[in-house]
C-alpha atoms as a PDB file:
ATOM      1  CA  UNK A   1      78.311  85.763 170.409  1.00  0.00           C
ATOM      2  CA  UNK A   2      80.240  87.011 167.400  1.00  0.00           C
ATOM      3  CA  UNK A   3      78.396  88.649 164.525  1.00  0.00           C
ATOM      4  CA  UNK A   4      79.496  85.948 162.067  1.00  0.00           C
ATOM      5  CA  UNK A   5      78.176  83.184 164.328  1.00  0.00           C
ATOM      6  CA  UNK A   6      74.927  85.094 164.818  1.00  0.00           C
ATOM      7  CA  UNK A   7      74.484  85.528 161.038  1.00  0.00           C
ATOM      8  CA  UNK A   8      75.219  81.831 160.468  1.00  0.00           C
ATOM      9  CA  UNK A   9      72.730  80.706 163.139  1.00  0.00           C
ATOM     10  CA  UNK A  10      70.054  83.035 161.763  1.00  0.00           C
ATOM     11  CA  UNK A  11      70.609  81.546 158.282  1.00  0.00           C
ATOM     12  CA  UNK A  12      70.252  77.998 159.626  1.00  0.00           C
ATOM     13  CA  UNK A  13      67.094  78.951 161.526  1.00  0.00           C
ATOM     14  CA  UNK A  14      65.601  80.591 158.425  1.00  0.00           C
ATOM     15  CA  UNK A  15      66.337  77.474 156.393  1.00  0.00           C
ATOM     16  CA  UNK A  16      64.654  75.250 158.957  1.00  0.00           C
ATOM     17  CA  UNK A  17      61.574  77.454 159.239  1.00  0.00           C
ATOM     18  CA  UNK A  18      61.160  78.251 155.544  1.00  0.00           C
ATOM     19  CA  UNK A  19      62.220  74.970 153.960  1.00  0.00           C
ATOM     20  CA  UNK A  20      61.985  72.083 156.392  1.00  0.00           C
ATOM     21  CA  UNK A  21      58.998  72.994 158.565  1.00  0.00           C
ATOM     22  CA  UNK A  22      56.501  72.882 155.663  1.00  0.00           C
ATOM     23  CA  UNK A  23      57.946  69.538 154.514  1.00  0.00           C
ATOM     24  CA  UNK A  24      57.466  67.812 157.842  1.00  0.00           C
ATOM     25  CA  UNK A  25      53.894  68.998 158.311  1.00  0.00           C
ATOM     26  CA  UNK A  26      54.739  70.707 161.586  1.00  0.00           C
ATOM     27  CA  UNK A  27      53.351  74.042 160.440  1.00  0.00           C
ATOM     28  CA  UNK A  28      49.868  73.045 161.622  1.00  0.00           C
ATOM     29  CA  UNK A  29      51.151  72.188 165.096  1.00  0.00           C
ATOM     30  CA  UNK A  30      53.048  75.457 165.398  1.00  0.00           C
ATOM     31  CA  UNK A  31      50.066  77.489 164.224  1.00  0.00           C
ATOM     32  CA  UNK A  32      47.540  75.809 166.563  1.00  0.00           C
ATOM     33  CA  UNK A  33      45.491  78.383 168.430  1.00  0.00           C
ATOM     34  CA  UNK A  34      46.130  77.507 172.058  1.00  0.00           C
ATOM     35  CA  UNK A  35      44.231  80.583 173.308  1.00  0.00           C
ATOM     36  CA  UNK A  36      40.858  79.434 171.975  1.00  0.00           C
ATOM     37  CA  UNK A  37      41.360  75.950 173.328  1.00  0.00           C
ATOM     38  CA  UNK A  38      40.250  74.403 170.053  1.00  0.00           C
ATOM     39  CA  UNK A  39      41.734  71.053 169.355  1.00  0.00           C
ATOM     40  CA  UNK A  40      43.426  70.774 166.005  1.00  0.00           C
ATOM     41  CA  UNK A  41      41.730  68.623 163.412  1.00  0.00           C
ATOM     42  CA  UNK A  42      43.077  65.142 162.938  1.00  0.00           C
ATOM     43  CA  UNK A  43      46.042  65.352 160.625  1.00  0.00           C
ATOM     44  CA  UNK A  44      45.410  64.184 157.107  1.00  0.00           C
ATOM     45  CA  UNK A  45      47.508  61.428 155.670  1.00  0.00           C
ATOM     46  CA  UNK A  46      50.765  63.018 154.566  1.00  0.00           C
ATOM     47  CA  UNK A  47      50.829  63.692 150.870  1.00  0.00           C
ATOM     48  CA  UNK A  48      53.365  61.754 148.878  1.00  0.00           C
ATOM     49  CA  UNK A  49      56.239  64.134 148.248  1.00  0.00           C
ATOM     50  CA  UNK A  50      57.599  64.119 144.738  1.00  0.00           C
ATOM     51  CA  UNK A  51      61.053  62.681 144.311  1.00  0.00           C
ATOM     52  CA  UNK A  52      63.208  64.263 141.635  1.00  0.00           C
ATOM     53  CA  UNK A  53      66.188  62.816 139.845  1.00  0.00           C
ATOM     54  CA  UNK A  54      69.492  64.381 140.867  1.00  0.00           C
ATOM     55  CA  UNK A  55      72.423  65.516 138.754  1.00  0.00           C
ATOM     56  CA  UNK A  56      75.778  65.336 140.556  1.00  0.00           C
ATOM     57  CA  UNK A  57      78.600  67.687 139.612  1.00  0.00           C
ATOM     58  CA  UNK A  58      81.768  66.785 141.486  1.00  0.00           C
ATOM     59  CA  UNK A  59      85.015  68.630 142.192  1.00  0.00           C
ATOM     60  CA  UNK A  60      83.761  72.120 141.334  1.00  0.00           C
ATOM     61  CA  UNK A  61      86.190  74.862 142.429  1.00  0.00           C
ATOM     62  CA  UNK A  62      84.351  77.446 144.537  1.00  0.00           C
ATOM     63  CA  UNK A  63      87.357  79.364 145.877  1.00  0.00           C
ATOM     64  CA  UNK A  64      91.127  79.613 145.631  1.00  0.00           C
ATOM     65  CA  UNK A  65      93.175  80.399 148.719  1.00  0.00           C
ATOM     66  CA  UNK A  66      96.789  80.875 147.748  1.00  0.00           C
ATOM     67  CA  UNK A  67      97.768  77.763 145.783  1.00  0.00           C
ATOM     68  CA  UNK A  68      94.876  75.683 147.145  1.00  0.00           C
ATOM     69  CA  UNK A  69      91.583  75.101 145.387  1.00  0.00           C
ATOM     70  CA  UNK A  70      88.537  74.579 147.603  1.00  0.00           C
ATOM     71  CA  UNK A  71      86.092  72.143 146.045  1.00  0.00           C
ATOM     72  CA  UNK A  72      82.406  71.365 146.298  1.00  0.00           C
ATOM     73  CA  UNK A  73      80.057  68.711 144.993  1.00  0.00           C
ATOM     74  CA  UNK A  74      76.741  70.015 143.637  1.00  0.00           C
ATOM     75  CA  UNK A  75      73.594  67.898 143.966  1.00  0.00           C
ATOM     76  CA  UNK A  76      71.058  69.427 141.593  1.00  0.00           C
ATOM     77  CA  UNK A  77      67.399  68.409 141.427  1.00  0.00           C
ATOM     78  CA  UNK A  78      66.163  68.048 137.871  1.00  0.00           C
ATOM     79  CA  UNK A  79      63.274  70.503 138.194  1.00  0.00           C
ATOM     80  CA  UNK A  80      62.387  73.895 136.832  1.00  0.00           C
ATOM     81  CA  UNK A  81      64.184  76.476 138.940  1.00  0.00           C
ATOM     82  CA  UNK A  82      64.902  78.480 140.823  1.00  0.00           C
ATOM     83  CA  UNK A  83      65.088  76.232 143.879  1.00  0.00           C
ATOM     84  CA  UNK A  84      66.334  76.809 147.442  1.00  0.00           C
ATOM     85  CA  UNK A  85      70.004  76.045 148.073  1.00  0.00           C
ATOM     86  CA  UNK A  86      71.620  74.261 151.006  1.00  0.00           C
ATOM     87  CA  UNK A  87      75.321  74.518 151.831  1.00  0.00           C
ATOM     88  CA  UNK A  88      76.285  71.133 153.316  1.00  0.00           C
ATOM     89  CA  UNK A  89      79.107  71.582 155.841  1.00  0.00           C
ATOM     90  CA  UNK A  90      80.713  68.358 157.007  1.00  0.00           C
ATOM     91  CA  UNK A  91      81.400  67.633 160.663  1.00  0.00           C
ATOM     92  CA  UNK A  92      84.726  67.125 162.358  1.00  0.00           C
ATOM     93  CA  UNK A  93      84.998  70.176 164.637  1.00  0.00           C
ATOM     94  CA  UNK A  94      86.791  72.097 161.871  1.00  0.00           C
ATOM     95  CA  UNK A  95      89.668  69.562 162.180  1.00  0.00           C
ATOM     96  CA  UNK A  96      88.749  66.537 160.092  1.00  0.00           C
ATOM     97  CA  UNK A  97      86.376  65.241 157.454  1.00  0.00           C
ATOM     98  CA  UNK A  98      85.571  66.121 153.873  1.00  0.00           C
ATOM     99  CA  UNK A  99      82.682  67.113 151.639  1.00  0.00           C
ATOM    100  CA  UNK A 100      81.734  63.488 150.937  1.00  0.00           C
ATOM    101  CA  UNK A 101      80.815  62.850 154.579  1.00  0.00           C
ATOM    102  CA  UNK A 102      77.182  64.024 154.277  1.00  0.00           C
ATOM    103  CA  UNK A 103      76.431  62.832 150.740  1.00  0.00           C
ATOM    104  CA  UNK A 104      73.321  61.040 151.956  1.00  0.00           C
ATOM    105  CA  UNK A 105      71.817  64.247 153.333  1.00  0.00           C
ATOM    106  CA  UNK A 106      72.699  66.210 150.216  1.00  0.00           C
ATOM    107  CA  UNK A 107      71.226  63.596 147.894  1.00  0.00           C
ATOM    108  CA  UNK A 108      68.069  63.252 149.985  1.00  0.00           C
ATOM    109  CA  UNK A 109      67.446  67.009 150.054  1.00  0.00           C
ATOM    110  CA  UNK A 110      68.150  67.287 146.325  1.00  0.00           C
ATOM    111  CA  UNK A 111      65.559  64.566 145.653  1.00  0.00           C
ATOM    112  CA  UNK A 112      63.098  66.824 147.503  1.00  0.00           C
ATOM    113  CA  UNK A 113      63.858  69.805 145.269  1.00  0.00           C
ATOM    114  CA  UNK A 114      66.695  71.643 147.002  1.00  0.00           C
ATOM    115  CA  UNK A 115      70.052  72.264 145.341  1.00  0.00           C
ATOM    116  CA  UNK A 116      72.798  71.094 147.715  1.00  0.00           C
ATOM    117  CA  UNK A 117      76.436  72.107 147.698  1.00  0.00           C
ATOM    118  CA  UNK A 118      78.697  69.904 149.850  1.00  0.00           C
ATOM    119  CA  UNK A 119      81.879  71.862 150.520  1.00  0.00           C
ATOM    120  CA  UNK A 120      85.428  71.240 151.618  1.00  0.00           C
ATOM    121  CA  UNK A 121      87.052  73.836 153.851  1.00  0.00           C
ATOM    122  CA  UNK A 122      90.527  74.330 155.261  1.00  0.00           C
ATOM    123  CA  UNK A 123      91.057  72.266 158.399  1.00  0.00           C
ATOM    124  CA  UNK A 124      92.607  73.153 161.756  1.00  0.00           C
ATOM    125  CA  UNK A 125      95.227  73.112 163.149  1.00  0.00           C
ATOM    126  CA  UNK A 126      96.987  73.778 159.825  1.00  0.00           C
ATOM    127  CA  UNK A 127      94.633  76.680 159.228  1.00  0.00           C
ATOM    128  CA  UNK A 128      93.718  78.875 162.173  1.00  0.00           C
ATOM    129  CA  UNK A 129      90.136  79.864 162.946  1.00  0.00           C
ATOM    130  CA  UNK A 130      88.314  81.755 161.366  1.00  0.00           C
ATOM    131  CA  UNK A 131      89.659  80.298 158.080  1.00  0.00           C
ATOM    132  CA  UNK A 132      86.893  77.677 158.166  1.00  0.00           C
ATOM    133  CA  UNK A 133      84.147  80.303 158.507  1.00  0.00           C
ATOM    134  CA  UNK A 134      85.764  82.334 155.733  1.00  0.00           C
ATOM    135  CA  UNK A 135      85.582  79.269 153.488  1.00  0.00           C
ATOM    136  CA  UNK A 136      81.894  78.720 154.324  1.00  0.00           C
ATOM    137  CA  UNK A 137      81.168  82.369 153.516  1.00  0.00           C
ATOM    138  CA  UNK A 138      83.066  82.018 150.249  1.00  0.00           C
ATOM    139  CA  UNK A 139      80.824  79.059 149.382  1.00  0.00           C
ATOM    140  CA  UNK A 140      77.679  81.119 150.039  1.00  0.00           C
ATOM    141  CA  UNK A 141      79.023  83.948 147.861  1.00  0.00           C
ATOM    142  CA  UNK A 142      79.888  81.422 145.113  1.00  0.00           C
ATOM    143  CA  UNK A 143      76.386  79.895 145.197  1.00  0.00           C
ATOM    144  CA  UNK A 144      74.767  83.323 144.971  1.00  0.00           C
ATOM    145  CA  UNK A 145      77.134  84.413 142.183  1.00  0.00           C
ATOM    146  CA  UNK A 146      76.396  81.221 140.202  1.00  0.00           C
ATOM    147  CA  UNK A 147      72.681  81.036 141.032  1.00  0.00           C
ATOM    148  CA  UNK A 148      71.500  81.303 137.428  1.00  0.00           C
ATOM    149  CA  UNK A 149      73.767  78.505 136.170  1.00  0.00           C
ATOM    150  CA  UNK A 150      72.691  76.140 138.955  1.00  0.00           C
ATOM    151  CA  UNK A 151      68.990  77.218 138.924  1.00  0.00           C
ATOM    152  CA  UNK A 152      69.173  78.444 142.539  1.00  0.00           C
ATOM    153  CA  UNK A 153      67.118  81.152 144.226  1.00  0.00           C
ATOM    154  CA  UNK A 154      69.890  83.358 145.635  1.00  0.00           C
ATOM    155  CA  UNK A 155      67.528  84.725 148.294  1.00  0.00           C
ATOM    156  CA  UNK A 156      66.925  81.227 149.750  1.00  0.00           C
ATOM    157  CA  UNK A 157      70.302  79.868 150.790  1.00  0.00           C
ATOM    158  CA  UNK A 158      70.615  77.856 154.004  1.00  0.00           C
ATOM    159  CA  UNK A 159      73.111  75.504 155.579  1.00  0.00           C
ATOM    160  CA  UNK A 160      73.225  72.153 157.303  1.00  0.00           C
ATOM    161  CA  UNK A 161      76.077  70.449 159.041  1.00  0.00           C
END
């Protein structure tokens, strides 16, 4: 496995463990003491999660490659920051799609208090691998560089896609 793929997978895993696991209430199940044989207490009714309003900033340039501008759409929860950030990478096997493909995910996560940045990247076969990974890395650098403006915690950046 290449180092870049390893770093990316570790980032996704961190995001899932640190951000999503507490939201779904699975932390109790993971932390259950199987050695003692104690049965976990009945789960309490899930607390109603707050839902925040979302500001959408479209067509933000996050990188220039030659003459081309790479764009993102920012879904920003209207809360006091800093908040975790999620880079939303559309599907299409690096060959097709665009940043608007996963708008539903981005909006849903933003309503739960995470800043989401849905990115475009250069597509194959016009752009050879690893151009797509380079574009994703550029997006992470851009989010960290602009963390204060977007009320993002630069130490808590994950990805979904």
